N, C-alpha and C. Protein backbone atom coordinates (compact mmCIF):
# COMPACT_ATOMS: atom_id res chain seq x y z
N MET A 1 163.13 150.58 114.86
CA MET A 1 163.81 149.78 115.78
C MET A 1 163.67 148.02 115.46
N SER A 2 165.08 147.30 115.05
CA SER A 2 164.76 146.06 115.26
C SER A 2 164.16 145.54 116.05
N ASP A 3 163.22 144.31 115.39
CA ASP A 3 163.09 143.24 116.73
C ASP A 3 163.75 142.62 117.65
N ALA A 4 165.36 142.66 117.32
CA ALA A 4 166.30 142.22 118.10
C ALA A 4 166.45 143.13 119.34
N ILE A 5 166.36 144.52 119.05
CA ILE A 5 166.58 145.33 119.92
C ILE A 5 165.09 145.72 120.76
N SER A 6 163.97 145.84 120.54
CA SER A 6 162.56 145.46 121.21
C SER A 6 162.26 144.91 122.21
N ARG A 7 163.05 143.34 121.14
CA ARG A 7 162.93 142.21 122.04
C ARG A 7 163.72 142.56 123.44
N ARG A 8 164.71 142.77 123.52
CA ARG A 8 165.71 143.02 124.98
C ARG A 8 165.24 143.94 126.04
N LEU A 9 164.34 145.59 125.33
CA LEU A 9 164.45 146.34 126.12
C LEU A 9 162.69 145.70 126.86
N PRO A 10 162.74 146.21 128.13
CA PRO A 10 161.94 145.37 129.24
C PRO A 10 160.29 146.23 128.80
N PRO A 11 159.23 145.69 128.27
CA PRO A 11 158.57 146.46 128.38
C PRO A 11 158.03 147.86 127.89
N GLU A 12 157.69 148.45 129.30
CA GLU A 12 157.78 149.49 130.00
C GLU A 12 158.68 150.81 128.78
N PHE A 13 159.81 150.07 128.02
CA PHE A 13 160.60 150.98 127.71
C PHE A 13 160.07 151.20 125.94
N MET A 14 160.02 151.58 125.09
CA MET A 14 160.02 152.13 123.91
C MET A 14 161.29 153.04 123.25
N GLN A 15 162.32 153.31 122.36
CA GLN A 15 163.07 153.75 121.74
C GLN A 15 162.53 153.94 120.31
N LEU A 16 163.01 155.19 119.99
CA LEU A 16 162.72 156.36 119.00
C LEU A 16 163.10 157.02 118.52
N GLU A 17 163.75 156.82 117.59
CA GLU A 17 165.40 157.61 117.05
C GLU A 17 165.89 157.99 118.19
N GLY A 18 166.66 156.63 119.31
CA GLY A 18 168.09 156.29 119.88
C GLY A 18 167.31 157.34 121.19
N ILE A 19 166.11 157.73 121.95
CA ILE A 19 165.50 157.87 122.75
C ILE A 19 164.72 156.53 123.33
N ARG A 20 165.15 156.87 125.12
CA ARG A 20 164.32 155.21 125.43
C ARG A 20 163.17 156.46 125.94
N ILE A 21 162.24 155.59 126.10
CA ILE A 21 160.69 156.29 126.59
C ILE A 21 160.23 155.57 127.41
N LEU A 22 159.92 155.88 128.67
CA LEU A 22 159.19 155.46 130.00
C LEU A 22 157.71 155.73 129.45
N ILE A 23 156.66 154.41 129.36
CA ILE A 23 156.06 154.67 129.27
C ILE A 23 154.94 153.77 130.67
N MET A 24 154.07 155.17 131.53
CA MET A 24 153.54 154.83 132.64
C MET A 24 152.23 154.46 132.40
N LEU A 25 151.50 153.32 133.19
CA LEU A 25 150.12 153.49 133.22
C LEU A 25 149.88 153.44 134.25
N PHE A 26 148.38 154.19 134.78
CA PHE A 26 147.74 154.75 135.53
C PHE A 26 146.41 154.50 135.64
N ASP A 27 146.42 153.84 136.88
CA ASP A 27 144.45 153.45 137.44
C ASP A 27 143.61 154.76 137.12
N VAL A 28 142.76 155.10 136.33
CA VAL A 28 141.43 155.93 136.26
C VAL A 28 140.31 155.59 136.93
N VAL A 29 139.93 156.01 138.07
CA VAL A 29 138.43 155.71 138.68
C VAL A 29 137.28 156.72 138.32
N VAL A 30 136.62 156.66 137.07
CA VAL A 30 135.53 156.91 136.36
C VAL A 30 134.24 157.03 137.68
N GLU A 31 133.76 158.20 137.85
CA GLU A 31 131.90 158.41 138.32
C GLU A 31 131.72 158.61 137.59
N LYS A 32 129.82 158.62 137.82
CA LYS A 32 128.98 159.84 137.52
C LYS A 32 128.45 160.13 138.34
N ASP A 33 128.25 161.40 138.59
CA ASP A 33 127.49 162.21 139.56
C ASP A 33 126.56 162.59 139.74
N SER A 34 125.72 163.16 141.05
CA SER A 34 124.13 163.54 140.51
C SER A 34 124.04 164.39 139.86
N ALA A 35 124.62 165.10 139.12
CA ALA A 35 124.42 166.10 138.41
C ALA A 35 124.87 165.59 136.97
N GLY A 36 125.05 164.32 136.64
CA GLY A 36 124.97 163.44 135.17
C GLY A 36 126.79 164.16 134.62
N TYR A 37 127.58 164.58 135.33
CA TYR A 37 129.05 165.01 134.96
C TYR A 37 129.89 163.55 135.43
N PHE A 38 130.78 163.56 134.65
CA PHE A 38 131.96 162.06 134.74
C PHE A 38 132.88 162.68 135.50
N VAL A 39 133.30 162.08 136.79
CA VAL A 39 134.01 162.57 137.61
C VAL A 39 135.42 161.24 137.69
N ALA A 40 136.50 161.96 136.76
CA ALA A 40 137.93 160.92 136.84
C ALA A 40 139.30 161.24 137.96
N SER A 41 139.42 160.12 138.58
CA SER A 41 140.62 160.37 139.56
C SER A 41 141.96 159.94 139.48
N VAL A 42 142.75 159.72 139.71
CA VAL A 42 143.79 158.94 139.82
C VAL A 42 144.38 158.50 141.09
N PRO A 43 144.13 157.35 141.50
CA PRO A 43 144.60 157.52 142.84
C PRO A 43 145.60 157.30 143.15
N ALA A 44 146.43 156.91 142.39
CA ALA A 44 147.98 156.94 143.01
C ALA A 44 149.16 157.87 142.70
N LEU A 45 148.17 159.09 142.21
CA LEU A 45 148.68 160.54 142.83
C LEU A 45 147.27 161.44 143.14
N PRO A 46 148.18 161.59 144.18
CA PRO A 46 146.49 162.77 145.25
C PRO A 46 146.44 164.05 144.26
N GLY A 47 144.99 164.31 144.19
CA GLY A 47 144.99 165.47 143.67
C GLY A 47 144.76 165.71 142.40
N CYS A 48 144.53 164.58 141.88
CA CYS A 48 144.60 164.59 139.92
C CYS A 48 143.76 164.31 140.12
N HIS A 49 142.43 164.72 139.39
CA HIS A 49 141.29 164.89 139.09
C HIS A 49 140.48 165.42 138.37
N THR A 50 139.68 165.30 137.52
CA THR A 50 138.48 166.43 136.20
C THR A 50 137.36 165.90 136.02
N GLN A 51 136.44 166.74 135.90
CA GLN A 51 135.60 166.34 135.12
C GLN A 51 134.78 166.99 134.00
N THR A 52 133.96 166.50 133.52
CA THR A 52 132.93 166.83 132.32
C THR A 52 131.43 165.94 132.47
N LYS A 53 131.20 166.65 130.92
CA LYS A 53 129.70 165.67 130.96
C LYS A 53 129.89 164.64 130.27
N ALA A 54 130.96 164.80 129.30
CA ALA A 54 131.14 163.97 127.57
C ALA A 54 132.12 162.73 128.42
N LEU A 55 131.96 161.78 128.33
CA LEU A 55 132.80 160.33 128.90
C LEU A 55 134.37 160.16 127.43
N ASP A 56 134.07 161.12 125.57
CA ASP A 56 134.98 160.64 125.45
C ASP A 56 136.32 162.41 125.81
N GLU A 57 135.65 162.89 125.74
CA GLU A 57 136.34 164.62 126.46
C GLU A 57 137.02 164.12 127.78
N LEU A 58 136.77 163.68 128.75
CA LEU A 58 137.11 163.11 130.14
C LEU A 58 138.34 162.47 130.42
N MET A 59 138.86 161.51 129.09
CA MET A 59 140.08 160.53 129.22
C MET A 59 140.96 161.74 128.55
N GLU A 60 140.79 162.75 127.72
CA GLU A 60 142.33 163.47 127.06
C GLU A 60 142.33 164.38 128.20
N ARG A 61 141.10 164.94 129.02
CA ARG A 61 141.44 165.83 130.28
C ARG A 61 141.98 164.46 130.79
N MET A 62 142.09 163.85 131.38
CA MET A 62 142.95 163.29 132.27
C MET A 62 143.68 163.36 132.17
N ARG A 63 144.31 162.85 130.88
CA ARG A 63 145.98 163.12 130.06
C ARG A 63 146.30 163.80 130.97
N GLU A 64 145.37 164.85 130.61
CA GLU A 64 146.58 166.44 130.51
C GLU A 64 146.32 166.76 132.54
N ALA A 65 145.53 166.39 132.74
CA ALA A 65 145.71 166.34 134.40
C ALA A 65 146.91 165.38 134.88
N ILE A 66 146.77 164.04 134.02
CA ILE A 66 147.85 162.97 134.99
C ILE A 66 149.29 164.11 134.10
N GLU A 67 149.50 164.84 133.09
CA GLU A 67 150.71 165.03 132.63
C GLU A 67 150.98 166.32 133.44
N LEU A 68 150.59 166.77 134.18
CA LEU A 68 150.65 168.01 134.23
C LEU A 68 150.67 167.44 136.72
N CYS A 69 149.87 166.89 137.00
CA CYS A 69 150.71 166.49 138.15
C CYS A 69 151.88 165.67 138.33
N LEU A 70 152.56 164.90 136.96
CA LEU A 70 154.24 164.53 136.76
C LEU A 70 155.01 165.61 136.91
N GLU A 71 154.54 166.78 136.26
CA GLU A 71 155.39 168.12 135.54
C GLU A 71 155.64 168.63 137.50
N ILE A 72 154.59 168.24 138.63
CA ILE A 72 155.24 169.27 139.49
C ILE A 72 155.74 167.95 140.19
N SER A 73 155.30 166.90 140.40
CA SER A 73 156.27 166.05 141.77
C SER A 73 157.15 165.72 141.61
């Protein structure tokens, strides 16, 4: 994509091989419970949450949870 085209598109859109893709950003709240689990939730998506012991794994699980919540809404 040329620089001229990318400057005309709103920042939340990007173009890839002629396809416009909407980029969505969500706030994620992360807490650690008394058992040592990291628990994450997305306030903008009711019921969208996950948990795990490893923080790096939590972000991957959260991406999957967001995708699933968006598919069913």
